[in-house]
N, C-alpha and C. Protein backbone atom coordinates (compact mmCIF):
# COMPACT_ATOMS: atom_id res chain seq x y z
N UNK A 1 143.01 -13.04 28.71
CA UNK A 1 141.59 -13.16 28.91
C UNK A 1 141.12 -12.05 29.85
N UNK A 2 140.05 -11.41 29.50
CA UNK A 2 139.50 -10.35 30.33
C UNK A 2 138.72 -10.97 31.47
N UNK A 3 138.93 -10.47 32.68
CA UNK A 3 138.23 -10.96 33.86
C UNK A 3 137.47 -9.83 34.51
N UNK A 4 136.44 -10.16 35.29
CA UNK A 4 135.70 -9.11 35.99
C UNK A 4 136.64 -8.29 36.89
N UNK A 5 136.29 -7.04 37.09
CA UNK A 5 137.14 -6.17 37.91
C UNK A 5 137.02 -6.49 39.39
N UNK A 6 135.98 -7.18 39.79
CA UNK A 6 135.85 -7.63 41.17
C UNK A 6 134.98 -8.87 41.21
N UNK A 7 135.13 -9.62 42.28
CA UNK A 7 134.37 -10.86 42.43
C UNK A 7 133.47 -10.75 43.65
N UNK A 8 132.22 -11.07 43.45
CA UNK A 8 131.27 -11.12 44.55
C UNK A 8 131.07 -12.57 44.94
N UNK A 9 131.25 -12.88 46.20
CA UNK A 9 130.99 -14.22 46.68
C UNK A 9 130.66 -14.15 48.16
N UNK A 10 130.10 -15.24 48.65
CA UNK A 10 129.78 -15.34 50.07
C UNK A 10 128.77 -14.30 50.52
N UNK A 11 129.03 -13.75 51.69
CA UNK A 11 128.13 -12.79 52.32
C UNK A 11 127.93 -11.54 51.46
N UNK A 12 128.99 -11.06 50.83
CA UNK A 12 128.88 -9.85 50.00
C UNK A 12 127.91 -10.10 48.83
N UNK A 13 128.02 -11.25 48.20
CA UNK A 13 127.12 -11.59 47.09
C UNK A 13 125.68 -11.65 47.58
N UNK A 14 125.46 -12.31 48.70
CA UNK A 14 124.11 -12.45 49.24
C UNK A 14 123.50 -11.09 49.58
N UNK A 15 124.30 -10.19 50.16
CA UNK A 15 123.79 -8.87 50.51
C UNK A 15 123.46 -8.06 49.26
N UNK A 16 124.33 -8.11 48.25
CA UNK A 16 124.06 -7.40 47.00
C UNK A 16 122.78 -7.96 46.37
N UNK A 17 122.68 -9.26 46.29
CA UNK A 17 121.50 -9.90 45.72
C UNK A 17 120.22 -9.47 46.45
N UNK A 18 120.29 -9.42 47.78
CA UNK A 18 119.11 -9.04 48.56
C UNK A 18 118.72 -7.59 48.32
N UNK A 19 119.69 -6.70 48.23
CA UNK A 19 119.38 -5.29 47.97
C UNK A 19 118.72 -5.12 46.60
N UNK A 20 119.22 -5.84 45.61
CA UNK A 20 118.62 -5.75 44.27
C UNK A 20 117.22 -6.34 44.29
N UNK A 21 117.03 -7.46 44.98
CA UNK A 21 115.71 -8.07 45.09
C UNK A 21 114.73 -7.11 45.78
N UNK A 22 115.16 -6.48 46.86
CA UNK A 22 114.31 -5.53 47.57
C UNK A 22 113.91 -4.37 46.65
N UNK A 23 114.85 -3.91 45.84
CA UNK A 23 114.56 -2.82 44.90
C UNK A 23 113.50 -3.25 43.89
N UNK A 24 113.60 -4.45 43.37
CA UNK A 24 112.61 -4.95 42.42
C UNK A 24 111.22 -5.03 43.05
N UNK A 25 111.16 -5.54 44.27
CA UNK A 25 109.87 -5.68 44.95
C UNK A 25 109.26 -4.31 45.23
N UNK A 26 110.07 -3.37 45.68
CA UNK A 26 109.58 -2.04 46.04
C UNK A 26 109.11 -1.24 44.85
N UNK A 27 109.80 -1.37 43.72
CA UNK A 27 109.52 -0.51 42.58
C UNK A 27 108.68 -1.14 41.48
N UNK A 28 108.72 -2.45 41.35
CA UNK A 28 108.03 -3.11 40.24
C UNK A 28 108.90 -3.27 39.01
N UNK A 29 110.20 -3.05 39.16
CA UNK A 29 111.16 -3.23 38.06
C UNK A 29 111.22 -4.72 37.71
N UNK A 30 111.36 -5.03 36.42
CA UNK A 30 111.41 -6.42 35.98
C UNK A 30 112.75 -7.09 36.25
N UNK A 31 113.84 -6.41 35.85
CA UNK A 31 115.17 -6.99 35.93
C UNK A 31 116.13 -5.99 36.56
N UNK A 32 116.98 -6.49 37.44
CA UNK A 32 118.02 -5.65 38.03
C UNK A 32 119.35 -6.36 37.91
N UNK A 33 120.35 -5.63 37.45
CA UNK A 33 121.69 -6.20 37.28
C UNK A 33 122.72 -5.28 37.91
N UNK A 34 123.72 -5.87 38.50
CA UNK A 34 124.91 -5.13 38.89
C UNK A 34 125.99 -5.57 37.91
N UNK A 35 126.49 -4.62 37.16
CA UNK A 35 127.43 -4.89 36.07
C UNK A 35 128.73 -4.17 36.37
N UNK A 36 129.87 -4.84 36.17
CA UNK A 36 131.12 -4.09 36.33
C UNK A 36 131.40 -3.31 35.05
N UNK A 37 132.35 -2.42 35.10
CA UNK A 37 132.59 -1.52 33.97
C UNK A 37 133.30 -2.20 32.80
N UNK A 38 133.64 -3.48 32.97
CA UNK A 38 134.19 -4.25 31.86
C UNK A 38 133.08 -5.01 31.12
N UNK A 39 131.86 -4.98 31.67
CA UNK A 39 130.74 -5.63 31.01
C UNK A 39 130.36 -6.99 31.55
N UNK A 40 130.82 -7.33 32.75
CA UNK A 40 130.47 -8.61 33.36
C UNK A 40 129.30 -8.44 34.32
N UNK A 41 128.38 -9.40 34.30
CA UNK A 41 127.28 -9.41 35.26
C UNK A 41 127.82 -9.91 36.59
N UNK A 42 127.75 -9.06 37.61
CA UNK A 42 128.20 -9.45 38.94
C UNK A 42 127.06 -10.07 39.75
N UNK A 43 125.86 -9.58 39.50
CA UNK A 43 124.67 -10.09 40.18
C UNK A 43 123.45 -9.71 39.34
N UNK A 44 122.43 -10.53 39.39
CA UNK A 44 121.19 -10.17 38.68
C UNK A 44 120.00 -10.81 39.38
N UNK A 45 118.90 -10.13 39.29
CA UNK A 45 117.64 -10.62 39.84
C UNK A 45 116.54 -10.29 38.83
N UNK A 46 115.51 -11.09 38.87
CA UNK A 46 114.35 -10.80 38.02
C UNK A 46 113.09 -11.01 38.83
N UNK A 47 112.10 -10.21 38.53
CA UNK A 47 110.82 -10.34 39.20
C UNK A 47 110.19 -11.68 38.83
N UNK A 48 109.46 -12.28 39.76
CA UNK A 48 108.83 -13.57 39.51
C UNK A 48 107.88 -13.54 38.33
N UNK A 49 107.23 -12.41 38.12
CA UNK A 49 106.22 -12.30 37.07
C UNK A 49 106.82 -11.85 35.73
N UNK A 50 108.10 -11.54 35.71
CA UNK A 50 108.72 -11.00 34.49
C UNK A 50 108.80 -12.06 33.40
N UNK A 51 108.64 -11.64 32.15
CA UNK A 51 108.83 -12.60 31.05
C UNK A 51 110.31 -13.00 30.97
N UNK A 52 110.58 -13.92 30.10
CA UNK A 52 111.97 -14.37 29.94
C UNK A 52 112.88 -13.16 29.70
N UNK A 53 113.99 -13.08 30.44
CA UNK A 53 114.85 -11.90 30.31
C UNK A 53 115.62 -11.90 28.99
N UNK A 54 116.07 -10.72 28.60
CA UNK A 54 116.95 -10.65 27.43
C UNK A 54 118.28 -11.32 27.79
N UNK A 55 119.16 -11.49 26.82
CA UNK A 55 120.47 -12.08 27.08
C UNK A 55 121.25 -11.12 28.00
N UNK A 56 121.34 -11.46 29.28
CA UNK A 56 121.90 -10.55 30.27
C UNK A 56 123.38 -10.26 30.05
N UNK A 57 124.12 -11.23 29.55
CA UNK A 57 125.54 -10.97 29.28
C UNK A 57 125.70 -9.95 28.16
N UNK A 58 124.83 -10.00 27.18
CA UNK A 58 124.87 -9.01 26.09
C UNK A 58 124.44 -7.64 26.60
N UNK A 59 123.39 -7.61 27.43
CA UNK A 59 122.96 -6.34 28.02
C UNK A 59 124.10 -5.74 28.82
N UNK A 60 124.78 -6.54 29.63
CA UNK A 60 125.88 -6.05 30.46
C UNK A 60 127.01 -5.46 29.62
N UNK A 61 127.38 -6.16 28.56
CA UNK A 61 128.45 -5.68 27.68
C UNK A 61 128.07 -4.36 27.03
N UNK A 62 126.85 -4.27 26.54
CA UNK A 62 126.40 -3.04 25.87
C UNK A 62 126.25 -1.88 26.87
N UNK A 63 125.77 -2.18 28.07
CA UNK A 63 125.64 -1.14 29.10
C UNK A 63 127.01 -0.59 29.47
N UNK A 64 127.99 -1.47 29.66
CA UNK A 64 129.33 -1.02 30.01
C UNK A 64 129.95 -0.21 28.87
N UNK A 65 129.74 -0.65 27.64
CA UNK A 65 130.26 0.10 26.49
C UNK A 65 129.62 1.47 26.39
N UNK A 66 128.31 1.52 26.60
CA UNK A 66 127.59 2.78 26.56
C UNK A 66 128.08 3.71 27.68
N UNK A 67 128.32 3.15 28.86
CA UNK A 67 128.82 3.96 29.98
C UNK A 67 130.19 4.54 29.67
N UNK A 68 131.04 3.77 29.01
CA UNK A 68 132.37 4.26 28.63
C UNK A 68 132.24 5.40 27.61
N UNK A 69 131.35 5.23 26.64
CA UNK A 69 131.13 6.29 25.65
C UNK A 69 130.55 7.54 26.31
N UNK A 70 129.63 7.35 27.23
CA UNK A 70 129.02 8.48 27.94
C UNK A 70 130.07 9.20 28.79
N UNK A 71 130.97 8.45 29.40
CA UNK A 71 132.05 9.07 30.19
C UNK A 71 132.94 9.93 29.30
N UNK A 72 133.22 9.45 28.09
CA UNK A 72 134.02 10.23 27.15
C UNK A 72 133.30 11.52 26.76
N UNK A 73 131.99 11.42 26.53
CA UNK A 73 131.20 12.62 26.21
C UNK A 73 131.21 13.61 27.38
N UNK A 74 131.05 13.10 28.59
CA UNK A 74 131.08 13.97 29.77
C UNK A 74 132.40 14.71 29.85
N UNK A 75 133.48 13.99 29.62
CA UNK A 75 134.81 14.58 29.65
C UNK A 75 134.95 15.68 28.60
N UNK A 76 134.45 15.41 27.41
CA UNK A 76 134.53 16.41 26.32
C UNK A 76 133.76 17.68 26.66
N UNK A 77 132.71 17.52 27.46
CA UNK A 77 131.87 18.66 27.83
C UNK A 77 132.28 19.28 29.16
N UNK A 78 133.41 18.86 29.69
CA UNK A 78 133.94 19.44 30.91
C UNK A 78 133.32 18.91 32.19
N UNK A 79 132.61 17.81 32.09
CA UNK A 79 132.02 17.18 33.28
C UNK A 79 132.91 16.04 33.74
N UNK A 80 132.93 15.80 35.05
CA UNK A 80 133.68 14.66 35.57
C UNK A 80 133.02 13.36 35.13
N UNK A 81 131.69 13.34 35.18
CA UNK A 81 130.95 12.15 34.78
C UNK A 81 129.47 12.49 34.59
N UNK A 82 128.78 11.66 33.87
CA UNK A 82 127.32 11.65 33.87
C UNK A 82 126.97 10.38 34.62
N UNK A 83 126.40 10.50 35.80
CA UNK A 83 126.24 9.34 36.67
C UNK A 83 125.07 8.44 36.30
N UNK A 84 124.12 8.96 35.50
CA UNK A 84 122.98 8.11 35.15
C UNK A 84 122.66 8.23 33.67
N UNK A 85 122.07 7.15 33.17
CA UNK A 85 121.61 7.10 31.78
C UNK A 85 120.19 6.56 31.78
N UNK A 86 119.37 7.14 30.95
CA UNK A 86 117.99 6.68 30.82
C UNK A 86 117.69 6.49 29.34
N UNK A 87 117.22 5.32 28.99
CA UNK A 87 116.82 5.03 27.61
C UNK A 87 115.36 4.61 27.66
N UNK A 88 114.48 5.45 27.13
CA UNK A 88 113.06 5.16 27.16
C UNK A 88 112.56 4.81 25.77
N UNK A 89 111.86 3.71 25.69
CA UNK A 89 111.24 3.30 24.44
C UNK A 89 109.74 3.37 24.56
N UNK A 90 109.06 2.83 23.58
CA UNK A 90 107.59 2.82 23.62
C UNK A 90 107.06 1.93 24.73
N UNK A 91 107.72 0.82 24.97
CA UNK A 91 107.21 -0.16 25.93
C UNK A 91 108.09 -0.39 27.14
N UNK A 92 109.30 0.13 27.12
CA UNK A 92 110.20 -0.16 28.23
C UNK A 92 111.24 0.91 28.45
N UNK A 93 111.86 0.82 29.61
CA UNK A 93 112.89 1.77 29.99
C UNK A 93 114.10 1.02 30.52
N UNK A 94 115.27 1.51 30.18
CA UNK A 94 116.53 1.02 30.72
C UNK A 94 117.13 2.18 31.52
N UNK A 95 117.37 1.94 32.80
CA UNK A 95 117.92 2.96 33.69
C UNK A 95 119.25 2.43 34.21
N UNK A 96 120.31 3.21 34.04
CA UNK A 96 121.64 2.80 34.46
C UNK A 96 122.23 3.92 35.32
N UNK A 97 122.75 3.54 36.48
CA UNK A 97 123.39 4.53 37.34
C UNK A 97 124.67 3.94 37.92
N UNK A 98 125.67 4.79 38.05
CA UNK A 98 126.97 4.38 38.57
C UNK A 98 126.88 3.98 40.04
N UNK A 99 127.58 2.92 40.37
CA UNK A 99 127.77 2.50 41.76
C UNK A 99 129.26 2.64 42.01
N UNK A 100 129.65 3.81 42.49
CA UNK A 100 131.07 4.09 42.65
C UNK A 100 131.77 4.12 41.31
N UNK A 101 133.05 3.79 41.33
CA UNK A 101 133.84 3.79 40.09
C UNK A 101 133.93 2.42 39.44
N UNK A 102 133.35 1.40 40.08
CA UNK A 102 133.57 0.05 39.59
C UNK A 102 132.37 -0.64 38.97
N UNK A 103 131.16 -0.15 39.24
CA UNK A 103 129.99 -0.92 38.80
C UNK A 103 128.86 0.00 38.34
N UNK A 104 127.89 -0.63 37.71
CA UNK A 104 126.70 0.06 37.19
C UNK A 104 125.46 -0.73 37.60
N UNK A 105 124.52 -0.04 38.23
CA UNK A 105 123.23 -0.66 38.51
C UNK A 105 122.37 -0.47 37.28
N UNK A 106 121.86 -1.56 36.75
CA UNK A 106 121.07 -1.54 35.52
C UNK A 106 119.69 -2.09 35.81
N UNK A 107 118.67 -1.29 35.50
CA UNK A 107 117.29 -1.68 35.78
C UNK A 107 116.49 -1.63 34.49
N UNK A 108 115.70 -2.65 34.26
CA UNK A 108 114.86 -2.73 33.07
C UNK A 108 113.41 -2.87 33.53
N UNK A 109 112.55 -1.99 33.02
CA UNK A 109 111.15 -2.02 33.45
C UNK A 109 110.24 -1.50 32.36
N UNK A 110 108.93 -1.73 32.55
CA UNK A 110 107.97 -1.32 31.53
C UNK A 110 107.33 0.01 31.89
N UNK A 111 106.41 0.47 31.05
CA UNK A 111 105.80 1.77 31.20
C UNK A 111 104.89 1.91 32.40
N UNK A 112 104.53 0.82 33.05
CA UNK A 112 103.66 0.91 34.23
C UNK A 112 104.42 1.35 35.48
N UNK A 113 105.74 1.36 35.41
CA UNK A 113 106.57 1.72 36.56
C UNK A 113 107.02 3.18 36.40
N UNK A 114 106.70 4.03 37.39
CA UNK A 114 107.11 5.43 37.29
C UNK A 114 108.63 5.60 37.43
N UNK A 115 109.23 6.30 36.48
CA UNK A 115 110.67 6.53 36.49
C UNK A 115 111.10 7.23 37.77
N UNK A 116 110.33 8.20 38.23
CA UNK A 116 110.69 8.92 39.46
C UNK A 116 110.80 8.00 40.66
N UNK A 117 109.90 7.06 40.77
CA UNK A 117 109.94 6.09 41.87
C UNK A 117 111.21 5.24 41.78
N UNK A 118 111.53 4.80 40.57
CA UNK A 118 112.72 3.99 40.37
C UNK A 118 113.97 4.78 40.78
N UNK A 119 114.04 6.04 40.37
CA UNK A 119 115.22 6.85 40.68
C UNK A 119 115.38 7.06 42.18
N UNK A 120 114.28 7.32 42.88
CA UNK A 120 114.35 7.55 44.33
C UNK A 120 114.86 6.30 45.05
N UNK A 121 114.27 5.16 44.75
CA UNK A 121 114.66 3.93 45.43
C UNK A 121 116.02 3.42 44.96
N UNK A 122 116.36 3.68 43.70
CA UNK A 122 117.67 3.26 43.19
C UNK A 122 118.79 3.99 43.93
N UNK A 123 118.59 5.27 44.25
CA UNK A 123 119.62 6.04 44.99
C UNK A 123 119.94 5.37 46.32
N UNK A 124 118.90 4.93 47.03
CA UNK A 124 119.10 4.25 48.32
C UNK A 124 119.87 2.95 48.12
N UNK A 125 119.46 2.18 47.12
CA UNK A 125 120.11 0.90 46.85
C UNK A 125 121.56 1.11 46.43
N UNK A 126 121.81 2.13 45.63
CA UNK A 126 123.18 2.41 45.18
C UNK A 126 124.09 2.71 46.36
N UNK A 127 123.60 3.47 47.33
CA UNK A 127 124.41 3.75 48.52
C UNK A 127 124.75 2.46 49.26
N UNK A 128 123.79 1.56 49.36
CA UNK A 128 124.02 0.28 50.04
C UNK A 128 125.01 -0.59 49.26
N UNK A 129 124.84 -0.64 47.95
CA UNK A 129 125.74 -1.44 47.11
C UNK A 129 127.15 -0.86 47.13
N UNK A 130 127.26 0.45 47.06
CA UNK A 130 128.58 1.10 47.08
C UNK A 130 129.32 0.77 48.37
N UNK A 131 128.61 0.73 49.49
CA UNK A 131 129.25 0.39 50.76
C UNK A 131 129.79 -1.04 50.74
N UNK A 132 129.04 -1.96 50.17
CA UNK A 132 129.50 -3.35 50.07
C UNK A 132 130.71 -3.45 49.16
N UNK A 133 130.68 -2.77 48.00
CA UNK A 133 131.80 -2.82 47.08
C UNK A 133 133.04 -2.18 47.68
N UNK A 134 132.85 -1.16 48.49
CA UNK A 134 133.98 -0.51 49.18
C UNK A 134 134.65 -1.49 50.15
N UNK A 135 133.85 -2.29 50.84
CA UNK A 135 134.39 -3.30 51.75
C UNK A 135 135.28 -4.29 51.00
N UNK A 136 134.89 -4.61 49.78
CA UNK A 136 135.61 -5.62 49.00
C UNK A 136 136.98 -5.15 48.52
N UNK A 137 137.20 -3.84 48.52
CA UNK A 137 138.50 -3.33 48.06
C UNK A 137 139.63 -3.79 48.97
N UNK A 138 139.34 -4.03 50.23
CA UNK A 138 140.37 -4.44 51.19
C UNK A 138 140.52 -5.95 51.32
N UNK A 139 139.64 -6.69 50.66
CA UNK A 139 139.68 -8.15 50.74
C UNK A 139 140.68 -8.68 49.71
N UNK A 140 141.65 -9.49 50.15
CA UNK A 140 142.61 -10.04 49.17
C UNK A 140 141.90 -11.01 48.24
N UNK A 141 142.38 -11.10 47.00
CA UNK A 141 141.75 -12.04 46.06
C UNK A 141 141.92 -13.48 46.53
N UNK A 142 140.98 -14.31 46.13
CA UNK A 142 141.04 -15.72 46.50
C UNK A 142 142.21 -16.36 45.76
N UNK A 143 143.04 -17.06 46.50
CA UNK A 143 144.17 -17.77 45.91
C UNK A 143 143.96 -19.27 46.08
N UNK A 144 144.01 -19.99 44.99
CA UNK A 144 143.88 -21.43 45.05
C UNK A 144 145.27 -22.05 45.01
N UNK A 145 145.54 -22.94 45.94
CA UNK A 145 146.84 -23.59 46.01
C UNK A 145 146.91 -24.73 45.00
N UNK A 146 148.12 -25.24 44.83
CA UNK A 146 148.29 -26.40 43.94
C UNK A 146 147.52 -27.60 44.45
N UNK A 147 147.44 -27.75 45.79
CA UNK A 147 146.69 -28.86 46.37
C UNK A 147 145.22 -28.79 45.96
N UNK A 148 144.66 -27.58 45.97
CA UNK A 148 143.26 -27.41 45.56
C UNK A 148 143.10 -27.81 44.10
N UNK A 149 144.00 -27.32 43.25
CA UNK A 149 143.92 -27.63 41.82
C UNK A 149 144.03 -29.13 41.57
N UNK A 150 144.95 -29.79 42.26
CA UNK A 150 145.12 -31.23 42.08
C UNK A 150 143.89 -31.98 42.57
N UNK A 151 143.37 -31.56 43.71
CA UNK A 151 142.17 -32.20 44.26
C UNK A 151 140.97 -32.02 43.35
N UNK A 152 140.80 -30.81 42.82
CA UNK A 152 139.68 -30.54 41.92
C UNK A 152 139.82 -31.36 40.64
N UNK A 153 141.04 -31.43 40.12
CA UNK A 153 141.27 -32.23 38.90
C UNK A 153 140.97 -33.70 39.15
N UNK A 154 141.39 -34.21 40.32
CA UNK A 154 141.13 -35.62 40.64
C UNK A 154 139.62 -35.88 40.75
N UNK A 155 138.91 -34.96 41.39
CA UNK A 155 137.45 -35.12 41.52
C UNK A 155 136.77 -35.11 40.15
N UNK A 156 137.21 -34.21 39.28
CA UNK A 156 136.63 -34.15 37.94
C UNK A 156 136.96 -35.41 37.14
N UNK A 157 138.19 -35.90 37.29
CA UNK A 157 138.56 -37.14 36.60
C UNK A 157 137.69 -38.30 37.06
N UNK A 158 137.46 -38.37 38.38
CA UNK A 158 136.61 -39.44 38.92
C UNK A 158 135.17 -39.30 38.42
N UNK A 159 134.70 -38.08 38.36
CA UNK A 159 133.32 -37.82 37.96
C UNK A 159 133.12 -38.08 36.46
N UNK A 160 134.04 -37.57 35.64
CA UNK A 160 133.87 -37.62 34.19
C UNK A 160 134.59 -38.80 33.54
N UNK A 161 135.41 -39.46 34.30
CA UNK A 161 136.08 -40.65 33.79
C UNK A 161 137.32 -40.41 33.08
């Protein structure tokens, strides 16, 4: 089974969530996602006024796949990477930029939001997110003991019968 390349929880998750929320408020972006390069949504926020979001898990998978294809193109052209992708349609824009080697900041917004503004503020947010993800590299993965598993199973048995 494929698993996310990193797990956000506790304080790190809250800080990432807050940075994405701040970016949405500052820029007017509808949806912000932090996606790992395997296509998992690590964090997401949406503006209060935004319409119902698209299927975010599908967006994440397609964004990660597109980033992998773009990386292959960059390599073929002698570039180390293309760090950002912009897809502009008639009514909306998808902006994706690398957050280090492990994640992609994905922003979805409409034509009323200036792309230049999004890019300027996204750079600041990316630096903040990259610092948080760098901290997580030294954190050992969460290990659940057999006692935890037995206790959780007992609680579920009591709850579900």
